[in-house]
Amino acid sequence: MLKRLYDWTLGLAGRETAEVWLAIIAFVESSVFLIPADVLFIPMGLARPGKAYRFALVATIASVLGGIAGYMLGHFAFEAFAKPVLSFYGKLDEFDHLRQCTGEDTLMLLLVTSGLAHLPPIKVVTILAGVAEVSFLFFVMSCIVARGARFFALAWALRRYGDPIRAFIEKRLGLLAASVAGIVILLYIIVKYSGIAGSITSC
């Protein structure tokens, strides 16, 4: 199922309506869709590098709006809608662990790392932010900064290096983004604990 969903998403890049589909997938990936918008964004940027930054803007705006929708689902409709979605994708246990173990300040950090690198999965943290009633202003700003940084960095790489960068992005982007997220977490630990390593959760 996952492979078919991935192939279907990838196939949208060649359609005349690809930009509309990019907006739709960037929107729904924040709460109900499993495949990240990057899968569609990369081939679109390679096919039309002159529009890469435009695609990045579309994806960022749609992703932020989708994040707001996910936040509202977590805040107002967790039991009725968000919980069944998380359960369907097998993310409910991960959500419950974060919900029990993560303080508000750490959740704010995870909003940034999930936007940059899907670490933890973006839909998990987005819904959790609504459940935990994280500052809505901070939530929106973190979405704009982290998700915008991801899409515009991809646009820059695709415009500068073109097709040769595709294999690197597809194989190494997750590792690179996770490394950046890890550095953010490490800096957070250093600042919060004055150099004393420890868990950033309460569990």
N, C-alpha and C. Protein backbone atom coordinates (compact mmCIF):
# COMPACT_ATOMS: atom_id res chain seq x y z
N MET A 1 0.82 -1.21 0.00
CA MET A 1 0.00 0.00 0.00
C MET A 1 0.86 1.27 0.00
N LEU A 2 1.88 1.30 0.88
CA LEU A 2 2.74 2.47 0.98
C LEU A 2 3.47 2.74 -0.33
N LYS A 3 3.97 1.66 -0.97
CA LYS A 3 4.68 1.82 -2.25
C LYS A 3 3.74 2.36 -3.32
N ARG A 4 2.51 1.86 -3.37
CA ARG A 4 1.55 2.35 -4.36
C ARG A 4 1.21 3.82 -4.11
N LEU A 5 1.08 4.18 -2.84
CA LEU A 5 0.79 5.57 -2.49
C LEU A 5 1.94 6.48 -2.88
N TYR A 6 3.16 6.00 -2.65
CA TYR A 6 4.36 6.76 -3.03
C TYR A 6 4.42 6.96 -4.54
N ASP A 7 4.20 5.87 -5.29
CA ASP A 7 4.25 5.94 -6.76
C ASP A 7 3.16 6.86 -7.30
N TRP A 8 1.97 6.80 -6.69
CA TRP A 8 0.87 7.67 -7.13
C TRP A 8 1.23 9.13 -6.91
N THR A 9 1.80 9.43 -5.74
CA THR A 9 2.20 10.80 -5.43
C THR A 9 3.27 11.28 -6.40
N LEU A 10 4.25 10.43 -6.66
CA LEU A 10 5.34 10.78 -7.58
C LEU A 10 4.80 11.03 -8.98
N GLY A 11 3.80 10.24 -9.37
CA GLY A 11 3.23 10.38 -10.71
C GLY A 11 2.49 11.69 -10.93
N LEU A 12 2.11 12.37 -9.86
CA LEU A 12 1.39 13.64 -9.99
C LEU A 12 2.28 14.75 -10.55
N ALA A 13 3.60 14.57 -10.44
CA ALA A 13 4.52 15.63 -10.85
C ALA A 13 4.42 15.95 -12.34
N GLY A 14 4.02 14.97 -13.15
CA GLY A 14 3.94 15.20 -14.58
C GLY A 14 2.63 15.77 -15.07
N ARG A 15 1.69 15.99 -14.19
CA ARG A 15 0.38 16.50 -14.60
C ARG A 15 0.37 18.02 -14.72
N GLU A 16 -0.55 18.53 -15.53
CA GLU A 16 -0.69 19.98 -15.65
C GLU A 16 -1.15 20.60 -14.33
N THR A 17 -1.82 19.81 -13.54
CA THR A 17 -2.33 20.29 -12.24
C THR A 17 -1.36 20.00 -11.10
N ALA A 18 -0.09 19.75 -11.43
CA ALA A 18 0.89 19.35 -10.41
C ALA A 18 0.99 20.36 -9.28
N GLU A 19 0.93 21.65 -9.61
CA GLU A 19 1.07 22.68 -8.58
C GLU A 19 -0.09 22.64 -7.60
N VAL A 20 -1.29 22.36 -8.12
CA VAL A 20 -2.45 22.22 -7.25
C VAL A 20 -2.29 21.02 -6.34
N TRP A 21 -1.82 19.90 -6.91
CA TRP A 21 -1.60 18.70 -6.12
C TRP A 21 -0.51 18.91 -5.06
N LEU A 22 0.51 19.70 -5.41
CA LEU A 22 1.56 20.00 -4.44
C LEU A 22 0.95 20.72 -3.23
N ALA A 23 0.09 21.68 -3.49
CA ALA A 23 -0.56 22.41 -2.40
C ALA A 23 -1.42 21.48 -1.56
N ILE A 24 -2.16 20.60 -2.23
CA ILE A 24 -3.05 19.68 -1.51
C ILE A 24 -2.25 18.74 -0.62
N ILE A 25 -1.18 18.14 -1.18
CA ILE A 25 -0.40 17.18 -0.40
C ILE A 25 0.38 17.87 0.71
N ALA A 26 0.91 19.07 0.45
CA ALA A 26 1.60 19.81 1.50
C ALA A 26 0.64 20.14 2.64
N PHE A 27 -0.62 20.38 2.29
CA PHE A 27 -1.64 20.67 3.30
C PHE A 27 -1.96 19.44 4.14
N VAL A 28 -2.25 18.32 3.47
CA VAL A 28 -2.75 17.15 4.21
C VAL A 28 -1.64 16.35 4.89
N GLU A 29 -0.36 16.54 4.49
CA GLU A 29 0.71 15.78 5.12
C GLU A 29 0.85 16.14 6.60
N SER A 30 0.35 17.29 6.98
CA SER A 30 0.49 17.74 8.37
C SER A 30 -0.43 17.00 9.34
N SER A 31 -1.45 16.31 8.80
CA SER A 31 -2.39 15.69 9.73
C SER A 31 -2.94 14.34 9.29
N VAL A 32 -3.14 14.14 7.97
CA VAL A 32 -3.84 12.91 7.57
C VAL A 32 -3.15 12.11 6.47
N PHE A 33 -2.08 12.63 5.85
CA PHE A 33 -1.47 11.95 4.71
C PHE A 33 -0.07 11.47 5.07
N LEU A 34 0.29 10.28 4.59
CA LEU A 34 1.53 9.65 5.02
C LEU A 34 2.75 10.10 4.23
N ILE A 35 2.58 10.38 2.93
CA ILE A 35 3.71 10.69 2.06
C ILE A 35 4.03 12.19 2.13
N PRO A 36 5.29 12.57 2.39
CA PRO A 36 5.63 13.99 2.47
C PRO A 36 5.57 14.68 1.12
N ALA A 37 5.32 15.97 1.14
CA ALA A 37 5.21 16.75 -0.09
C ALA A 37 6.52 16.78 -0.86
N ASP A 38 7.64 16.52 -0.21
CA ASP A 38 8.95 16.52 -0.86
C ASP A 38 8.98 15.56 -2.05
N VAL A 39 8.24 14.45 -1.94
CA VAL A 39 8.21 13.44 -2.99
C VAL A 39 7.69 14.03 -4.30
N LEU A 40 6.75 14.93 -4.22
CA LEU A 40 6.20 15.61 -5.39
C LEU A 40 7.01 16.85 -5.74
N PHE A 41 7.48 17.54 -4.73
CA PHE A 41 8.19 18.80 -4.94
C PHE A 41 9.48 18.60 -5.73
N ILE A 42 10.25 17.56 -5.43
CA ILE A 42 11.56 17.36 -6.06
C ILE A 42 11.46 17.17 -7.57
N PRO A 43 10.64 16.24 -8.09
CA PRO A 43 10.55 16.12 -9.55
C PRO A 43 9.95 17.35 -10.22
N MET A 44 9.07 18.05 -9.54
CA MET A 44 8.53 19.28 -10.11
C MET A 44 9.62 20.33 -10.24
N GLY A 45 10.46 20.46 -9.21
CA GLY A 45 11.56 21.42 -9.24
C GLY A 45 12.59 21.08 -10.30
N LEU A 46 12.82 19.78 -10.52
CA LEU A 46 13.77 19.35 -11.55
C LEU A 46 13.23 19.62 -12.94
N ALA A 47 11.94 19.39 -13.12
CA ALA A 47 11.33 19.59 -14.44
C ALA A 47 11.25 21.07 -14.81
N ARG A 48 10.98 21.91 -13.80
CA ARG A 48 10.86 23.35 -14.06
C ARG A 48 11.64 24.13 -13.00
N PRO A 49 12.98 24.09 -13.10
CA PRO A 49 13.80 24.75 -12.07
C PRO A 49 13.54 26.25 -11.94
N GLY A 50 13.10 26.88 -13.04
CA GLY A 50 12.80 28.31 -12.98
C GLY A 50 11.64 28.63 -12.06
N LYS A 51 10.82 27.64 -11.76
CA LYS A 51 9.67 27.83 -10.87
C LYS A 51 9.89 27.19 -9.49
N ALA A 52 11.11 26.76 -9.21
CA ALA A 52 11.37 26.04 -7.97
C ALA A 52 11.01 26.86 -6.73
N TYR A 53 11.36 28.15 -6.75
CA TYR A 53 11.05 28.99 -5.59
C TYR A 53 9.55 29.25 -5.47
N ARG A 54 8.89 29.33 -6.61
CA ARG A 54 7.43 29.47 -6.58
C ARG A 54 6.80 28.22 -5.97
N PHE A 55 7.29 27.04 -6.38
CA PHE A 55 6.79 25.79 -5.81
C PHE A 55 7.05 25.75 -4.30
N ALA A 56 8.22 26.24 -3.90
CA ALA A 56 8.57 26.25 -2.48
C ALA A 56 7.60 27.13 -1.70
N LEU A 57 7.24 28.28 -2.29
CA LEU A 57 6.30 29.18 -1.62
C LEU A 57 4.93 28.53 -1.51
N VAL A 58 4.47 27.90 -2.58
CA VAL A 58 3.18 27.22 -2.57
C VAL A 58 3.17 26.13 -1.50
N ALA A 59 4.23 25.32 -1.49
CA ALA A 59 4.31 24.22 -0.53
C ALA A 59 4.37 24.73 0.90
N THR A 60 5.11 25.81 1.13
CA THR A 60 5.23 26.36 2.48
C THR A 60 3.89 26.88 2.98
N ILE A 61 3.22 27.68 2.15
CA ILE A 61 1.92 28.24 2.56
C ILE A 61 0.92 27.12 2.85
N ALA A 62 0.85 26.14 1.94
CA ALA A 62 -0.10 25.04 2.11
C ALA A 62 0.24 24.21 3.34
N SER A 63 1.54 23.98 3.58
CA SER A 63 1.95 23.19 4.72
C SER A 63 1.63 23.90 6.04
N VAL A 64 1.82 25.21 6.07
CA VAL A 64 1.50 25.98 7.27
C VAL A 64 -0.01 25.93 7.53
N LEU A 65 -0.79 26.12 6.48
CA LEU A 65 -2.25 26.04 6.64
C LEU A 65 -2.68 24.64 7.08
N GLY A 66 -2.02 23.62 6.52
CA GLY A 66 -2.30 22.25 6.95
C GLY A 66 -1.92 22.01 8.39
N GLY A 67 -0.81 22.63 8.80
CA GLY A 67 -0.40 22.53 10.19
C GLY A 67 -1.44 23.15 11.12
N ILE A 68 -1.98 24.29 10.72
CA ILE A 68 -3.03 24.94 11.52
C ILE A 68 -4.25 24.03 11.62
N ALA A 69 -4.60 23.39 10.49
CA ALA A 69 -5.74 22.46 10.51
C ALA A 69 -5.47 21.29 11.46
N GLY A 70 -4.23 20.76 11.42
CA GLY A 70 -3.87 19.67 12.32
C GLY A 70 -3.91 20.10 13.78
N TYR A 71 -3.45 21.31 14.04
CA TYR A 71 -3.50 21.86 15.39
C TYR A 71 -4.95 21.92 15.88
N MET A 72 -5.84 22.40 15.02
CA MET A 72 -7.25 22.50 15.39
C MET A 72 -7.88 21.13 15.61
N LEU A 73 -7.47 20.15 14.80
CA LEU A 73 -7.97 18.79 15.00
C LEU A 73 -7.55 18.26 16.37
N GLY A 74 -6.29 18.50 16.72
CA GLY A 74 -5.81 18.06 18.02
C GLY A 74 -6.51 18.77 19.17
N HIS A 75 -6.80 20.03 18.95
CA HIS A 75 -7.39 20.85 20.02
C HIS A 75 -8.88 20.59 20.19
N PHE A 76 -9.59 20.45 19.06
CA PHE A 76 -11.05 20.37 19.14
C PHE A 76 -11.63 19.00 18.81
N ALA A 77 -10.88 18.16 18.09
CA ALA A 77 -11.49 16.91 17.62
C ALA A 77 -10.52 15.73 17.73
N PHE A 78 -9.79 15.66 18.84
CA PHE A 78 -8.81 14.59 18.96
C PHE A 78 -9.47 13.21 18.97
N GLU A 79 -10.41 13.00 19.86
CA GLU A 79 -11.03 11.69 20.00
C GLU A 79 -11.83 11.30 18.76
N ALA A 80 -12.51 12.26 18.18
CA ALA A 80 -13.40 11.97 17.06
C ALA A 80 -12.67 11.75 15.75
N PHE A 81 -11.56 12.47 15.54
CA PHE A 81 -10.93 12.42 14.23
C PHE A 81 -9.43 12.15 14.28
N ALA A 82 -8.69 12.95 15.05
CA ALA A 82 -7.24 12.84 15.04
C ALA A 82 -6.75 11.48 15.56
N LYS A 83 -7.35 10.99 16.62
CA LYS A 83 -6.93 9.70 17.19
C LYS A 83 -7.10 8.55 16.19
N PRO A 84 -8.25 8.44 15.51
CA PRO A 84 -8.38 7.37 14.51
C PRO A 84 -7.35 7.48 13.37
N VAL A 85 -7.00 8.71 12.97
CA VAL A 85 -6.01 8.90 11.91
C VAL A 85 -4.65 8.39 12.37
N LEU A 86 -4.24 8.77 13.58
CA LEU A 86 -2.96 8.31 14.12
C LEU A 86 -2.94 6.80 14.26
N SER A 87 -4.04 6.23 14.69
CA SER A 87 -4.13 4.79 14.84
C SER A 87 -4.01 4.09 13.49
N PHE A 88 -4.65 4.64 12.47
CA PHE A 88 -4.61 4.06 11.12
C PHE A 88 -3.19 3.98 10.59
N TYR A 89 -2.40 5.01 10.85
CA TYR A 89 -1.02 5.04 10.35
C TYR A 89 -0.03 4.39 11.31
N GLY A 90 -0.51 3.84 12.42
CA GLY A 90 0.38 3.20 13.37
C GLY A 90 1.21 4.18 14.18
N LYS A 91 0.74 5.40 14.32
CA LYS A 91 1.49 6.45 15.03
C LYS A 91 0.90 6.76 16.41
N LEU A 92 -0.13 6.03 16.82
CA LEU A 92 -0.80 6.37 18.06
C LEU A 92 0.10 6.12 19.27
N ASP A 93 0.84 5.02 19.28
CA ASP A 93 1.75 4.74 20.41
C ASP A 93 2.81 5.81 20.53
N GLU A 94 3.36 6.22 19.39
CA GLU A 94 4.38 7.27 19.41
C GLU A 94 3.77 8.58 19.92
N PHE A 95 2.56 8.86 19.50
CA PHE A 95 1.87 10.06 19.97
C PHE A 95 1.66 10.00 21.48
N ASP A 96 1.17 8.86 21.97
CA ASP A 96 0.90 8.72 23.40
C ASP A 96 2.18 8.88 24.22
N HIS A 97 3.28 8.34 23.71
CA HIS A 97 4.55 8.47 24.43
C HIS A 97 4.98 9.94 24.51
N LEU A 98 4.90 10.63 23.39
CA LEU A 98 5.26 12.05 23.40
C LEU A 98 4.31 12.85 24.30
N ARG A 99 3.05 12.50 24.27
CA ARG A 99 2.06 13.22 25.08
C ARG A 99 2.36 13.08 26.56
N GLN A 100 2.79 11.90 26.99
CA GLN A 100 3.05 11.63 28.40
C GLN A 100 4.41 12.15 28.85
N CYS A 101 5.37 12.17 27.93
CA CYS A 101 6.75 12.42 28.34
C CYS A 101 7.29 13.80 28.00
N THR A 102 6.62 14.53 27.13
CA THR A 102 7.20 15.76 26.61
C THR A 102 6.60 16.99 27.26
N GLY A 103 7.48 17.86 27.78
CA GLY A 103 7.04 19.13 28.33
C GLY A 103 6.78 20.13 27.23
N GLU A 104 6.18 21.26 27.59
CA GLU A 104 5.81 22.25 26.58
C GLU A 104 7.03 22.82 25.87
N ASP A 105 8.12 23.08 26.62
CA ASP A 105 9.29 23.66 25.98
C ASP A 105 9.91 22.69 24.99
N THR A 106 9.94 21.40 25.35
CA THR A 106 10.48 20.39 24.44
C THR A 106 9.58 20.21 23.23
N LEU A 107 8.27 20.29 23.42
CA LEU A 107 7.34 20.17 22.31
C LEU A 107 7.56 21.30 21.31
N MET A 108 7.86 22.48 21.81
CA MET A 108 8.16 23.59 20.92
C MET A 108 9.39 23.30 20.06
N LEU A 109 10.40 22.66 20.67
CA LEU A 109 11.59 22.26 19.92
C LEU A 109 11.23 21.23 18.85
N LEU A 110 10.39 20.27 19.21
CA LEU A 110 10.01 19.22 18.27
C LEU A 110 9.20 19.77 17.11
N LEU A 111 8.49 20.86 17.32
CA LEU A 111 7.78 21.50 16.22
C LEU A 111 8.77 21.96 15.15
N VAL A 112 9.92 22.43 15.59
CA VAL A 112 10.95 22.88 14.64
C VAL A 112 11.59 21.69 13.95
N THR A 113 12.00 20.68 14.72
CA THR A 113 12.70 19.54 14.11
C THR A 113 11.77 18.73 13.20
N SER A 114 10.50 18.64 13.54
CA SER A 114 9.58 17.91 12.66
C SER A 114 9.35 18.66 11.36
N GLY A 115 9.31 19.99 11.44
CA GLY A 115 9.17 20.79 10.22
C GLY A 115 10.39 20.72 9.33
N LEU A 116 11.57 20.65 9.94
CA LEU A 116 12.81 20.56 9.18
C LEU A 116 13.05 19.18 8.60
N ALA A 117 12.74 18.14 9.40
CA ALA A 117 13.20 16.80 9.03
C ALA A 117 12.18 15.70 9.27
N HIS A 118 10.93 16.06 9.53
CA HIS A 118 9.92 15.05 9.86
C HIS A 118 10.37 14.19 11.04
N LEU A 119 11.03 14.81 12.01
CA LEU A 119 11.57 14.09 13.16
C LEU A 119 11.13 14.80 14.44
N PRO A 120 10.16 14.25 15.18
CA PRO A 120 9.30 13.09 14.90
C PRO A 120 8.36 13.40 13.73
N PRO A 121 7.55 12.41 13.30
CA PRO A 121 6.64 12.65 12.17
C PRO A 121 5.82 13.91 12.37
N ILE A 122 5.72 14.70 11.32
CA ILE A 122 5.14 16.03 11.42
C ILE A 122 3.68 16.00 11.88
N LYS A 123 2.92 14.99 11.43
CA LYS A 123 1.51 14.93 11.83
C LYS A 123 1.36 14.64 13.31
N VAL A 124 2.28 13.85 13.88
CA VAL A 124 2.23 13.52 15.31
C VAL A 124 2.41 14.78 16.15
N VAL A 125 3.43 15.56 15.81
CA VAL A 125 3.74 16.76 16.60
C VAL A 125 2.71 17.85 16.38
N THR A 126 2.21 17.97 15.16
CA THR A 126 1.20 18.99 14.86
C THR A 126 -0.06 18.76 15.69
N ILE A 127 -0.55 17.53 15.69
CA ILE A 127 -1.75 17.21 16.46
C ILE A 127 -1.49 17.36 17.95
N LEU A 128 -0.31 16.90 18.39
CA LEU A 128 0.05 17.01 19.81
C LEU A 128 0.08 18.46 20.27
N ALA A 129 0.56 19.35 19.40
CA ALA A 129 0.59 20.77 19.75
C ALA A 129 -0.80 21.30 20.05
N GLY A 130 -1.78 20.85 19.27
CA GLY A 130 -3.16 21.26 19.53
C GLY A 130 -3.70 20.69 20.82
N VAL A 131 -3.41 19.41 21.07
CA VAL A 131 -3.85 18.78 22.31
C VAL A 131 -3.24 19.47 23.52
N ALA A 132 -1.95 19.79 23.42
CA ALA A 132 -1.23 20.40 24.54
C ALA A 132 -1.46 21.90 24.65
N GLU A 133 -2.18 22.48 23.70
CA GLU A 133 -2.47 23.92 23.69
C GLU A 133 -1.20 24.76 23.71
N VAL A 134 -0.25 24.36 22.88
CA VAL A 134 0.96 25.17 22.70
C VAL A 134 0.56 26.54 22.16
N SER A 135 1.32 27.56 22.50
CA SER A 135 1.04 28.90 22.00
C SER A 135 0.77 28.87 20.50
N PHE A 136 -0.39 29.33 20.09
CA PHE A 136 -0.76 29.26 18.67
C PHE A 136 0.18 30.13 17.83
N LEU A 137 0.56 31.30 18.35
CA LEU A 137 1.47 32.17 17.62
C LEU A 137 2.81 31.49 17.40
N PHE A 138 3.35 30.86 18.45
CA PHE A 138 4.62 30.15 18.29
C PHE A 138 4.47 29.01 17.30
N PHE A 139 3.35 28.31 17.40
CA PHE A 139 3.12 27.19 16.49
C PHE A 139 3.18 27.65 15.03
N VAL A 140 2.46 28.71 14.71
CA VAL A 140 2.43 29.20 13.34
C VAL A 140 3.81 29.67 12.89
N MET A 141 4.52 30.40 13.76
CA MET A 141 5.85 30.88 13.40
C MET A 141 6.83 29.73 13.18
N SER A 142 6.74 28.70 14.02
CA SER A 142 7.63 27.54 13.86
C SER A 142 7.35 26.83 12.54
N CYS A 143 6.08 26.76 12.17
CA CYS A 143 5.72 26.14 10.88
C CYS A 143 6.30 26.93 9.71
N ILE A 144 6.16 28.25 9.77
CA ILE A 144 6.66 29.10 8.68
C ILE A 144 8.17 28.96 8.54
N VAL A 145 8.88 29.05 9.66
CA VAL A 145 10.35 29.02 9.63
C VAL A 145 10.88 27.65 9.24
N ALA A 146 10.43 26.60 9.94
CA ALA A 146 10.99 25.27 9.71
C ALA A 146 10.58 24.69 8.35
N ARG A 147 9.31 24.77 8.04
CA ARG A 147 8.85 24.18 6.78
C ARG A 147 9.31 25.03 5.59
N GLY A 148 9.30 26.34 5.77
CA GLY A 148 9.81 27.20 4.71
C GLY A 148 11.29 26.94 4.45
N ALA A 149 12.07 26.76 5.51
CA ALA A 149 13.49 26.48 5.35
C ALA A 149 13.70 25.19 4.57
N ARG A 150 12.89 24.18 4.85
CA ARG A 150 13.03 22.89 4.16
C ARG A 150 12.74 23.03 2.67
N PHE A 151 11.63 23.63 2.33
CA PHE A 151 11.24 23.73 0.92
C PHE A 151 12.14 24.67 0.13
N PHE A 152 12.52 25.80 0.73
CA PHE A 152 13.36 26.74 -0.01
C PHE A 152 14.79 26.24 -0.14
N ALA A 153 15.28 25.46 0.83
CA ALA A 153 16.60 24.84 0.70
C ALA A 153 16.59 23.82 -0.44
N LEU A 154 15.51 23.05 -0.53
CA LEU A 154 15.37 22.12 -1.65
C LEU A 154 15.33 22.87 -2.98
N ALA A 155 14.58 23.96 -3.04
CA ALA A 155 14.49 24.75 -4.28
C ALA A 155 15.85 25.28 -4.69
N TRP A 156 16.60 25.77 -3.73
CA TRP A 156 17.95 26.29 -4.04
C TRP A 156 18.84 25.19 -4.59
N ALA A 157 18.81 24.01 -3.96
CA ALA A 157 19.66 22.90 -4.40
C ALA A 157 19.26 22.44 -5.80
N LEU A 158 17.97 22.38 -6.06
CA LEU A 158 17.50 21.93 -7.38
C LEU A 158 17.86 22.93 -8.48
N ARG A 159 17.76 24.22 -8.17
CA ARG A 159 18.11 25.25 -9.16
C ARG A 159 19.62 25.28 -9.42
N ARG A 160 20.39 25.09 -8.38
CA ARG A 160 21.84 25.21 -8.52
C ARG A 160 22.48 23.97 -9.15
N TYR A 161 22.00 22.80 -8.74
CA TYR A 161 22.68 21.57 -9.16
C TYR A 161 21.87 20.72 -10.12
N GLY A 162 20.58 20.97 -10.24
CA GLY A 162 19.77 20.25 -11.21
C GLY A 162 19.68 18.76 -10.95
N ASP A 163 19.57 18.01 -12.05
CA ASP A 163 19.32 16.57 -11.95
C ASP A 163 20.39 15.80 -11.17
N PRO A 164 21.70 16.17 -11.25
CA PRO A 164 22.70 15.40 -10.50
C PRO A 164 22.46 15.37 -8.98
N ILE A 165 21.74 16.38 -8.47
CA ILE A 165 21.50 16.41 -7.02
C ILE A 165 20.34 15.52 -6.62
N ARG A 166 19.56 15.04 -7.60
CA ARG A 166 18.36 14.27 -7.28
C ARG A 166 18.68 13.00 -6.49
N ALA A 167 19.67 12.25 -6.95
CA ALA A 167 20.01 11.00 -6.26
C ALA A 167 20.46 11.28 -4.83
N PHE A 168 21.23 12.36 -4.66
CA PHE A 168 21.68 12.71 -3.31
C PHE A 168 20.50 13.08 -2.43
N ILE A 169 19.59 13.88 -2.97
CA ILE A 169 18.43 14.31 -2.18
C ILE A 169 17.58 13.12 -1.78
N GLU A 170 17.31 12.24 -2.74
CA GLU A 170 16.43 11.11 -2.47
C GLU A 170 17.04 10.12 -1.48
N LYS A 171 18.37 9.98 -1.52
CA LYS A 171 19.03 8.99 -0.67
C LYS A 171 19.55 9.57 0.64
N ARG A 172 19.96 10.84 0.60
CA ARG A 172 20.67 11.40 1.75
C ARG A 172 19.96 12.54 2.45
N LEU A 173 18.89 13.06 1.85
CA LEU A 173 18.25 14.23 2.44
C LEU A 173 17.74 13.95 3.85
N GLY A 174 17.13 12.78 4.03
CA GLY A 174 16.62 12.43 5.35
C GLY A 174 17.72 12.42 6.39
N LEU A 175 18.87 11.83 6.02
CA LEU A 175 20.01 11.78 6.96
C LEU A 175 20.54 13.18 7.25
N LEU A 176 20.65 14.00 6.21
CA LEU A 176 21.15 15.36 6.38
C LEU A 176 20.21 16.18 7.25
N ALA A 177 18.92 16.10 6.95
CA ALA A 177 17.94 16.85 7.73
C ALA A 177 17.90 16.37 9.17
N ALA A 178 18.00 15.04 9.36
CA ALA A 178 18.02 14.50 10.72
C ALA A 178 19.25 14.98 11.48
N SER A 179 20.36 15.13 10.78
CA SER A 179 21.58 15.63 11.42
C SER A 179 21.40 17.07 11.88
N VAL A 180 20.76 17.87 11.02
CA VAL A 180 20.48 19.26 11.40
C VAL A 180 19.57 19.30 12.61
N ALA A 181 18.53 18.46 12.58
CA ALA A 181 17.61 18.40 13.72
C ALA A 181 18.34 17.96 14.98
N GLY A 182 19.26 17.00 14.83
CA GLY A 182 20.04 16.54 15.98
C GLY A 182 20.90 17.65 16.57
N ILE A 183 21.46 18.48 15.69
CA ILE A 183 22.27 19.61 16.16
C ILE A 183 21.40 20.60 16.94
N VAL A 184 20.19 20.85 16.42
CA VAL A 184 19.26 21.74 17.12
C VAL A 184 18.94 21.20 18.51
N ILE A 185 18.67 19.90 18.59
CA ILE A 185 18.37 19.28 19.88
C ILE A 185 19.56 19.38 20.81
N LEU A 186 20.77 19.11 20.29
CA LEU A 186 21.98 19.18 21.12
C LEU A 186 22.20 20.59 21.66
N LEU A 187 22.01 21.59 20.82
CA LEU A 187 22.16 22.97 21.28
C LEU A 187 21.14 23.29 22.36
N TYR A 188 19.93 22.77 22.18
CA TYR A 188 18.88 22.97 23.18
C TYR A 188 19.31 22.38 24.53
N ILE A 189 19.84 21.16 24.49
CA ILE A 189 20.28 20.50 25.73
C ILE A 189 21.38 21.30 26.41
N ILE A 190 22.34 21.77 25.59
CA ILE A 190 23.46 22.53 26.15
C ILE A 190 22.98 23.80 26.83
N VAL A 191 22.05 24.50 26.14
CA VAL A 191 21.53 25.74 26.71
C VAL A 191 20.70 25.48 27.96
N LYS A 192 19.82 24.49 27.89
CA LYS A 192 18.89 24.25 28.99
C LYS A 192 19.57 23.66 30.21
N TYR A 193 20.54 22.78 29.97
CA TYR A 193 21.17 22.07 31.09
C TYR A 193 22.61 22.51 31.34
N SER A 194 23.01 23.61 30.74
CA SER A 194 24.34 24.17 30.97
C SER A 194 25.45 23.14 30.73
N GLY A 195 25.28 22.39 29.65
CA GLY A 195 26.32 21.44 29.27
C GLY A 195 26.15 20.08 29.90
N ILE A 196 25.15 19.88 30.75
CA ILE A 196 24.96 18.59 31.38
C ILE A 196 24.00 17.80 30.52
N ALA A 197 24.49 16.72 29.90
CA ALA A 197 23.65 15.91 29.02
C ALA A 197 22.55 15.25 29.83
N GLY A 198 21.41 15.11 29.22
CA GLY A 198 20.31 14.43 29.88
C GLY A 198 19.13 14.31 28.96
N SER A 199 18.09 13.71 29.44
CA SER A 199 16.91 13.51 28.61
C SER A 199 16.15 14.83 28.47
N ILE A 200 15.59 15.04 27.30
CA ILE A 200 14.80 16.26 27.11
C ILE A 200 13.32 15.98 27.33
N THR A 201 13.01 14.81 27.81
CA THR A 201 11.64 14.51 28.18
C THR A 201 11.58 14.19 29.65
N SER A 202 10.40 14.09 30.17
CA SER A 202 10.24 13.84 31.60
C SER A 202 10.08 12.37 31.91
N CYS A 203 10.14 11.46 30.92
CA CYS A 203 10.00 10.02 31.15
C CYS A 203 11.36 9.34 31.20
